[in-house]
Amino acid sequence: MSVFQTLYDLTKSLHTHVGTTPLEEERDEYIARVDELLEARQALLPHIVAPMSVEEKKQAQDMIKMNHEIDQALVIIKEHVAIDIRKLKTKKTQADRYVNPYVNVSFDGTFYDKKK
């Protein structure tokens, strides 16, 4: 199998993988698999030469389309992870405030008597 065909197969499997939506519990394995596929593709890219046959040209066009869809899916996944991180930070600060509600008390408007 040629390097070009291997790259096409990896791109196709990455495209189908990002097309699925993981459950929240399975997200770590999902992201690890995406990272694994992206690294495998990245390793093959320097060995690619211009497509010669008609079939390779068609596969190259398909890869360009799939790559565009993969990019969009990765942006959506990144946004979901960012939302979850923000939720986790908010949850942590709320829990800290519950444990010690007087940590960030504002002293605006309090009067200090300087006379003794």
C-alpha atoms as a PDB file:
ATOM      1  CA  MET A   1       0.000   0.000   0.000  1.00  0.00           C
ATOM      2  CA  SER A   2       1.350   3.408  -0.905  1.00  0.00           C
ATOM      3  CA  VAL A   3       1.949   6.219   1.562  1.00  0.00           C
ATOM      4  CA  PHE A   4      -0.774   8.217  -0.157  1.00  0.00           C
ATOM      5  CA  GLN A   5      -3.309   5.414   0.326  1.00  0.00           C
ATOM      6  CA  THR A   6      -2.292   5.063   3.988  1.00  0.00           C
ATOM      7  CA  LEU A   7      -2.783   8.798   4.481  1.00  0.00           C
ATOM      8  CA  TYR A   8      -6.181   8.585   2.813  1.00  0.00           C
ATOM      9  CA  ASP A   9      -7.228   5.696   5.070  1.00  0.00           C
ATOM     10  CA  LEU A  10      -6.077   7.562   8.186  1.00  0.00           C
ATOM     11  CA  THR A  11      -7.938  10.687   7.101  1.00  0.00           C
ATOM     12  CA  LYS A  12     -11.064   8.663   6.444  1.00  0.00           C
ATOM     13  CA  SER A  13     -10.913   6.956   9.839  1.00  0.00           C
ATOM     14  CA  LEU A  14     -10.289  10.314  11.547  1.00  0.00           C
ATOM     15  CA  HIS A  15     -13.250  11.786   9.670  1.00  0.00           C
ATOM     16  CA  THR A  16     -15.573   9.004  10.807  1.00  0.00           C
ATOM     17  CA  HIS A  17     -14.205   9.199  14.376  1.00  0.00           C
ATOM     18  CA  VAL A  18     -14.795  12.948  14.717  1.00  0.00           C
ATOM     19  CA  GLY A  19     -18.212  12.495  13.171  1.00  0.00           C
ATOM     20  CA  THR A  20     -19.348  10.658  16.284  1.00  0.00           C
ATOM     21  CA  THR A  21     -20.212  12.452  19.503  1.00  0.00           C
ATOM     22  CA  PRO A  22     -18.637  10.964  22.629  1.00  0.00           C
ATOM     23  CA  LEU A  23     -20.337  10.627  25.967  1.00  0.00           C
ATOM     24  CA  GLU A  24     -18.906  12.846  28.685  1.00  0.00           C
ATOM     25  CA  GLU A  25     -17.384   9.829  30.461  1.00  0.00           C
ATOM     26  CA  GLU A  26     -15.645   8.636  27.282  1.00  0.00           C
ATOM     27  CA  ARG A  27     -14.250  11.995  26.220  1.00  0.00           C
ATOM     28  CA  ASP A  28     -10.685  11.311  27.384  1.00  0.00           C
ATOM     29  CA  GLU A  29     -10.406   8.147  25.296  1.00  0.00           C
ATOM     30  CA  TYR A  30     -12.079   9.939  22.383  1.00  0.00           C
ATOM     31  CA  ILE A  31      -9.565  12.802  22.483  1.00  0.00           C
ATOM     32  CA  ALA A  32      -6.665  10.357  22.883  1.00  0.00           C
ATOM     33  CA  ARG A  33      -7.800   8.513  19.748  1.00  0.00           C
ATOM     34  CA  VAL A  34      -8.143  11.784  17.814  1.00  0.00           C
ATOM     35  CA  ASP A  35      -4.653  12.789  18.931  1.00  0.00           C
ATOM     36  CA  GLU A  36      -3.274   9.387  17.915  1.00  0.00           C
ATOM     37  CA  LEU A  37      -4.812   9.627  14.433  1.00  0.00           C
ATOM     38  CA  LEU A  38      -3.609  13.220  13.972  1.00  0.00           C
ATOM     39  CA  GLU A  39      -0.051  12.275  14.942  1.00  0.00           C
ATOM     40  CA  ALA A  40      -0.076   9.335  12.534  1.00  0.00           C
ATOM     41  CA  ARG A  41      -1.268  11.637   9.737  1.00  0.00           C
ATOM     42  CA  GLN A  42       1.344  14.232  10.628  1.00  0.00           C
ATOM     43  CA  ALA A  43       4.097  11.613  10.406  1.00  0.00           C
ATOM     44  CA  LEU A  44       3.009  10.657   6.875  1.00  0.00           C
ATOM     45  CA  LEU A  45       2.624  14.169   5.441  1.00  0.00           C
ATOM     46  CA  PRO A  46       6.331  14.826   4.702  1.00  0.00           C
ATOM     47  CA  HIS A  47       6.495  11.624   2.619  1.00  0.00           C
ATOM     48  CA  ILE A  48       3.660  12.622   0.289  1.00  0.00           C
ATOM     49  CA  VAL A  49       4.426  13.526  -3.297  1.00  0.00           C
ATOM     50  CA  ALA A  50       2.016  15.108  -5.760  1.00  0.00           C
ATOM     51  CA  PRO A  51      -0.768  12.694  -6.770  1.00  0.00           C
ATOM     52  CA  MET A  52       0.004  11.014 -10.062  1.00  0.00           C
ATOM     53  CA  SER A  53      -2.959   8.886 -11.056  1.00  0.00           C
ATOM     54  CA  VAL A  54      -6.544   9.956 -11.559  1.00  0.00           C
ATOM     55  CA  GLU A  55      -7.598   7.899  -8.545  1.00  0.00           C
ATOM     56  CA  GLU A  56      -5.020   9.625  -6.324  1.00  0.00           C
ATOM     57  CA  LYS A  57      -6.210  13.025  -7.512  1.00  0.00           C
ATOM     58  CA  LYS A  58      -9.792  12.074  -6.624  1.00  0.00           C
ATOM     59  CA  GLN A  59      -8.647  10.848  -3.222  1.00  0.00           C
ATOM     60  CA  ALA A  60      -6.724  14.096  -2.708  1.00  0.00           C
ATOM     61  CA  GLN A  61      -9.902  16.093  -3.371  1.00  0.00           C
ATOM     62  CA  ASP A  62     -11.821  13.850  -0.961  1.00  0.00           C
ATOM     63  CA  MET A  63      -9.107  14.358   1.673  1.00  0.00           C
ATOM     64  CA  ILE A  64      -9.363  18.133   1.297  1.00  0.00           C
ATOM     65  CA  LYS A  65     -13.130  17.981   1.860  1.00  0.00           C
ATOM     66  CA  MET A  66     -12.758  15.612   4.805  1.00  0.00           C
ATOM     67  CA  ASN A  67     -10.018  17.775   6.302  1.00  0.00           C
ATOM     68  CA  HIS A  68     -12.315  20.811   6.211  1.00  0.00           C
ATOM     69  CA  GLU A  69     -15.038  18.863   8.021  1.00  0.00           C
ATOM     70  CA  ILE A  70     -12.473  17.494  10.513  1.00  0.00           C
ATOM     71  CA  ASP A  71     -11.322  21.038  11.287  1.00  0.00           C
ATOM     72  CA  GLN A  72     -14.891  22.146  11.977  1.00  0.00           C
ATOM     73  CA  ALA A  73     -15.518  19.132  14.222  1.00  0.00           C
ATOM     74  CA  LEU A  74     -12.302  19.760  16.163  1.00  0.00           C
ATOM     75  CA  VAL A  75     -13.319  23.377  16.781  1.00  0.00           C
ATOM     76  CA  ILE A  76     -16.662  22.191  18.158  1.00  0.00           C
ATOM     77  CA  ILE A  77     -14.927  19.635  20.403  1.00  0.00           C
ATOM     78  CA  LYS A  78     -12.564  22.342  21.655  1.00  0.00           C
ATOM     79  CA  GLU A  79     -15.513  24.596  22.496  1.00  0.00           C
ATOM     80  CA  HIS A  80     -17.221  21.793  24.433  1.00  0.00           C
ATOM     81  CA  VAL A  81     -14.064  21.149  26.446  1.00  0.00           C
ATOM     82  CA  ALA A  82     -13.668  24.884  27.157  1.00  0.00           C
ATOM     83  CA  ILE A  83     -17.273  25.084  28.371  1.00  0.00           C
ATOM     84  CA  ASP A  84     -16.704  22.127  30.689  1.00  0.00           C
ATOM     85  CA  ILE A  85     -13.529  23.724  32.063  1.00  0.00           C
ATOM     86  CA  ARG A  86     -15.403  26.951  32.792  1.00  0.00           C
ATOM     87  CA  LYS A  87     -18.174  25.002  34.513  1.00  0.00           C
ATOM     88  CA  LEU A  88     -15.611  23.159  36.610  1.00  0.00           C
ATOM     89  CA  LYS A  89     -13.910  26.399  37.658  1.00  0.00           C
ATOM     90  CA  THR A  90     -17.263  27.936  38.591  1.00  0.00           C
ATOM     91  CA  LYS A  91     -18.193  24.845  40.555  1.00  0.00           C
ATOM     92  CA  LYS A  92     -14.854  24.964  42.385  1.00  0.00           C
ATOM     93  CA  THR A  93     -15.219  28.627  43.328  1.00  0.00           C
ATOM     94  CA  GLN A  94     -18.797  28.033  44.487  1.00  0.00           C
ATOM     95  CA  ALA A  95     -17.634  25.138  46.661  1.00  0.00           C
ATOM     96  CA  ASP A  96     -14.810  27.273  48.100  1.00  0.00           C
ATOM     97  CA  ARG A  97     -17.270  30.061  48.916  1.00  0.00           C
ATOM     98  CA  TYR A  98     -19.562  27.585  50.622  1.00  0.00           C
ATOM     99  CA  VAL A  99     -16.734  26.214  52.771  1.00  0.00           C
ATOM    100  CA  ASN A 100     -15.435  29.662  53.790  1.00  0.00           C
ATOM    101  CA  PRO A 101     -17.913  32.436  52.962  1.00  0.00           C
ATOM    102  CA  TYR A 102     -15.816  35.219  54.518  1.00  0.00           C
ATOM    103  CA  VAL A 103     -12.707  34.919  52.329  1.00  0.00           C
ATOM    104  CA  ASN A 104     -13.528  37.686  49.870  1.00  0.00           C
ATOM    105  CA  VAL A 105     -15.487  40.055  52.061  1.00  0.00           C
ATOM    106  CA  SER A 106     -15.388  43.601  50.783  1.00  0.00           C
ATOM    107  CA  PHE A 107     -14.684  46.289  53.364  1.00  0.00           C
ATOM    108  CA  ASP A 108     -16.100  49.126  51.315  1.00  0.00           C
ATOM    109  CA  GLY A 109     -18.295  51.387  53.378  1.00  0.00           C
ATOM    110  CA  THR A 110     -16.952  50.323  56.735  1.00  0.00           C
ATOM    111  CA  PHE A 111     -15.861  53.024  59.125  1.00  0.00           C
ATOM    112  CA  TYR A 112     -12.605  52.856  60.990  1.00  0.00           C
ATOM    113  CA  ASP A 113     -12.257  55.204  63.955  1.00  0.00           C
ATOM    114  CA  LYS A 114      -8.730  56.601  64.046  1.00  0.00           C
ATOM    115  CA  LYS A 115      -9.131  58.143  67.475  1.00  0.00           C
ATOM    116  CA  LYS A 116      -8.216  56.162  70.506  1.00  0.00           C
END
